[in-house]
C-alpha atoms as a PDB file:
ATOM      1  CA  UNK A   1       5.476   7.779  -2.207  1.00  0.00           C
ATOM      2  CA  UNK A   2       7.272   4.892  -4.295  1.00  0.00           C
ATOM      3  CA  UNK A   3       6.597   4.827  -7.787  1.00  0.00           C
ATOM      4  CA  UNK A   4       7.449   1.565  -9.610  1.00  0.00           C
ATOM      5  CA  UNK A   5       8.252   1.739 -13.408  1.00  0.00           C
ATOM      6  CA  UNK A   6       5.044  -0.838 -15.787  1.00  0.00           C
ATOM      7  CA  UNK A   7       7.037  -0.982 -18.486  1.00  0.00           C
ATOM      8  CA  UNK A   8       7.072  -4.558 -20.575  1.00  0.00           C
ATOM      9  CA  UNK A   9       4.021  -6.065 -21.099  1.00  0.00           C
ATOM     10  CA  UNK A  10       5.359  -9.082 -18.678  1.00  0.00           C
ATOM     11  CA  UNK A  11       5.133  -7.663 -16.086  1.00  0.00           C
ATOM     12  CA  UNK A  12       1.700  -7.975 -16.164  1.00  0.00           C
ATOM     13  CA  UNK A  13       1.382 -11.803 -15.361  1.00  0.00           C
ATOM     14  CA  UNK A  14       3.690 -10.546 -12.250  1.00  0.00           C
ATOM     15  CA  UNK A  15       1.494  -8.049 -11.259  1.00  0.00           C
ATOM     16  CA  UNK A  16      -1.461 -10.558 -10.953  1.00  0.00           C
ATOM     17  CA  UNK A  17       0.891 -12.989  -8.943  1.00  0.00           C
ATOM     18  CA  UNK A  18       2.305 -10.266  -6.649  1.00  0.00           C
ATOM     19  CA  UNK A  19      -1.536  -9.023  -5.776  1.00  0.00           C
ATOM     20  CA  UNK A  20      -2.868 -12.638  -4.301  1.00  0.00           C
ATOM     21  CA  UNK A  21       0.083 -11.272  -1.677  1.00  0.00           C
ATOM     22  CA  UNK A  22      -0.057  -7.475  -1.146  1.00  0.00           C
ATOM     23  CA  UNK A  23      -2.545  -5.561  -3.099  1.00  0.00           C
ATOM     24  CA  UNK A  24      -0.853  -3.416  -5.944  1.00  0.00           C
ATOM     25  CA  UNK A  25      -2.240  -0.568  -7.880  1.00  0.00           C
ATOM     26  CA  UNK A  26      -1.776   0.789 -11.440  1.00  0.00           C
ATOM     27  CA  UNK A  27      -1.676   4.262 -12.494  1.00  0.00           C
ATOM     28  CA  UNK A  28      -2.025   4.392 -16.289  1.00  0.00           C
ATOM     29  CA  UNK A  29      -0.814   8.586 -16.875  1.00  0.00           C
ATOM     30  CA  UNK A  30      -0.016  10.722 -19.764  1.00  0.00           C
ATOM     31  CA  UNK A  31       2.391  13.275 -19.565  1.00  0.00           C
ATOM     32  CA  UNK A  32       1.020  15.695 -21.781  1.00  0.00           C
ATOM     33  CA  UNK A  33      -2.219  16.130 -19.981  1.00  0.00           C
ATOM     34  CA  UNK A  34      -2.966  18.806 -17.396  1.00  0.00           C
ATOM     35  CA  UNK A  35      -6.418  16.691 -16.287  1.00  0.00           C
ATOM     36  CA  UNK A  36      -3.205  13.510 -15.867  1.00  0.00           C
ATOM     37  CA  UNK A  37      -0.712  15.349 -14.139  1.00  0.00           C
ATOM     38  CA  UNK A  38      -3.297  17.388 -11.832  1.00  0.00           C
ATOM     39  CA  UNK A  39      -4.558  13.877 -10.842  1.00  0.00           C
ATOM     40  CA  UNK A  40      -0.879  12.352 -10.283  1.00  0.00           C
ATOM     41  CA  UNK A  41       0.298  15.547  -7.708  1.00  0.00           C
ATOM     42  CA  UNK A  42      -3.027  14.434  -5.902  1.00  0.00           C
ATOM     43  CA  UNK A  43      -2.426  11.412  -5.396  1.00  0.00           C
ATOM     44  CA  UNK A  44       1.078  11.399  -4.215  1.00  0.00           C
ATOM     45  CA  UNK A  45       0.081  14.036  -1.825  1.00  0.00           C
ATOM     46  CA  UNK A  46      -2.544  11.988  -0.775  1.00  0.00           C
ATOM     47  CA  UNK A  47      -0.675   8.515  -0.662  1.00  0.00           C
ATOM     48  CA  UNK A  48       0.962   9.460   2.162  1.00  0.00           C
ATOM     49  CA  UNK A  49      -1.793  10.172   5.007  1.00  0.00           C
ATOM     50  CA  UNK A  50      -3.780   7.493   3.189  1.00  0.00           C
ATOM     51  CA  UNK A  51      -3.208   4.023   5.120  1.00  0.00           C
ATOM     52  CA  UNK A  52      -1.974   2.308   2.369  1.00  0.00           C
ATOM     53  CA  UNK A  53       1.334   1.283   3.310  1.00  0.00           C
ATOM     54  CA  UNK A  54       0.793  -2.039   2.400  1.00  0.00           C
ATOM     55  CA  UNK A  55      -0.505  -1.408  -1.559  1.00  0.00           C
ATOM     56  CA  UNK A  56       3.148  -1.223  -4.000  1.00  0.00           C
ATOM     57  CA  UNK A  57       2.173   1.647  -7.223  1.00  0.00           C
ATOM     58  CA  UNK A  58       3.187   0.986 -10.568  1.00  0.00           C
ATOM     59  CA  UNK A  59       3.127   3.568 -12.530  1.00  0.00           C
ATOM     60  CA  UNK A  60       2.334   2.997 -17.148  1.00  0.00           C
ATOM     61  CA  UNK A  61       4.036   6.212 -18.592  1.00  0.00           C
ATOM     62  CA  UNK A  62       1.157   5.977 -21.588  1.00  0.00           C
ATOM     63  CA  UNK A  63       2.530   7.834 -24.878  1.00  0.00           C
ATOM     64  CA  UNK A  64       5.778   5.349 -24.255  1.00  0.00           C
ATOM     65  CA  UNK A  65       4.382   1.859 -23.291  1.00  0.00           C
ATOM     66  CA  UNK A  66       0.824   2.722 -24.955  1.00  0.00           C
ATOM     67  CA  UNK A  67       0.151  -1.292 -26.194  1.00  0.00           C
ATOM     68  CA  UNK A  68       0.967  -2.409 -22.877  1.00  0.00           C
ATOM     69  CA  UNK A  69      -2.627  -0.086 -21.644  1.00  0.00           C
ATOM     70  CA  UNK A  70      -4.209  -1.873 -24.048  1.00  0.00           C
ATOM     71  CA  UNK A  71      -3.703  -4.813 -22.538  1.00  0.00           C
ATOM     72  CA  UNK A  72      -4.304  -3.677 -19.555  1.00  0.00           C
ATOM     73  CA  UNK A  73      -7.428  -3.260 -20.597  1.00  0.00           C
ATOM     74  CA  UNK A  74      -7.787  -6.639 -22.087  1.00  0.00           C
ATOM     75  CA  UNK A  75      -6.860  -8.139 -19.055  1.00  0.00           C
ATOM     76  CA  UNK A  76      -8.506  -7.011 -16.698  1.00  0.00           C
ATOM     77  CA  UNK A  77     -11.675  -6.540 -18.338  1.00  0.00           C
ATOM     78  CA  UNK A  78     -11.644  -2.261 -17.622  1.00  0.00           C
ATOM     79  CA  UNK A  79     -11.962   0.281 -20.472  1.00  0.00           C
ATOM     80  CA  UNK A  80      -9.059   2.395 -21.038  1.00  0.00           C
ATOM     81  CA  UNK A  81      -9.310   5.736 -19.304  1.00  0.00           C
ATOM     82  CA  UNK A  82      -6.474   8.318 -18.855  1.00  0.00           C
ATOM     83  CA  UNK A  83      -5.323   9.098 -15.872  1.00  0.00           C
ATOM     84  CA  UNK A  84      -6.706   5.605 -14.456  1.00  0.00           C
ATOM     85  CA  UNK A  85      -6.268   3.957 -11.178  1.00  0.00           C
ATOM     86  CA  UNK A  86      -6.741   0.277 -11.139  1.00  0.00           C
ATOM     87  CA  UNK A  87      -6.550  -1.833  -8.030  1.00  0.00           C
ATOM     88  CA  UNK A  88      -5.327  -5.134  -7.778  1.00  0.00           C
ATOM     89  CA  UNK A  89      -5.790  -7.948  -5.812  1.00  0.00           C
ATOM     90  CA  UNK A  90      -5.773 -11.708  -5.740  1.00  0.00           C
ATOM     91  CA  UNK A  91      -5.425 -11.180  -9.506  1.00  0.00           C
ATOM     92  CA  UNK A  92      -8.460  -9.138 -10.020  1.00  0.00           C
ATOM     93  CA  UNK A  93      -9.293  -6.017  -9.974  1.00  0.00           C
ATOM     94  CA  UNK A  94     -11.531  -4.592  -7.099  1.00  0.00           C
ATOM     95  CA  UNK A  95     -11.163  -0.503  -7.700  1.00  0.00           C
ATOM     96  CA  UNK A  96     -10.702   1.739 -10.932  1.00  0.00           C
ATOM     97  CA  UNK A  97     -10.895   5.332 -11.322  1.00  0.00           C
ATOM     98  CA  UNK A  98     -10.444   7.776 -13.721  1.00  0.00           C
ATOM     99  CA  UNK A  99      -9.576  12.132 -14.215  1.00  0.00           C
ATOM    100  CA  UNK A 100     -10.383  13.855 -10.795  1.00  0.00           C
ATOM    101  CA  UNK A 101     -12.510  10.538  -9.572  1.00  0.00           C
ATOM    102  CA  UNK A 102      -9.850   8.751  -8.364  1.00  0.00           C
ATOM    103  CA  UNK A 103     -10.235   7.959  -4.942  1.00  0.00           C
ATOM    104  CA  UNK A 104      -8.195   6.775  -2.146  1.00  0.00           C
ATOM    105  CA  UNK A 105     -10.509   6.167   0.103  1.00  0.00           C
ATOM    106  CA  UNK A 106     -12.458   3.867  -1.968  1.00  0.00           C
ATOM    107  CA  UNK A 107      -8.789   1.857  -2.849  1.00  0.00           C
ATOM    108  CA  UNK A 108      -8.536   1.446   0.969  1.00  0.00           C
ATOM    109  CA  UNK A 109     -11.987   0.058   1.698  1.00  0.00           C
ATOM    110  CA  UNK A 110     -11.540  -2.425  -1.301  1.00  0.00           C
ATOM    111  CA  UNK A 111      -7.797  -3.751  -0.688  1.00  0.00           C
ATOM    112  CA  UNK A 112      -7.933  -4.148   2.626  1.00  0.00           C
END
């Protein structure tokens, strides 16, 4: 799994446009939270066998870029949680999950 860093608010418009050609996920991660670390580790382990090679993964460090997380919540009308994974396709959120409820089978189903 090759993460792409989400570190500027300007990238959100690019991600929306990009998602019209290729599904995108944004993983919001708190680097000091053990649940978030567990969710990230599980996501990375399961990604290889998930059949999601066509989905581009973005990583947001919440502690460094909290304003971007707030903008994501506002722009996509999804309440902020951490950890949280959002699947964006055609400029809209198709799936979102949080904590240990993040489900790559659901991501696969909604990204097709």
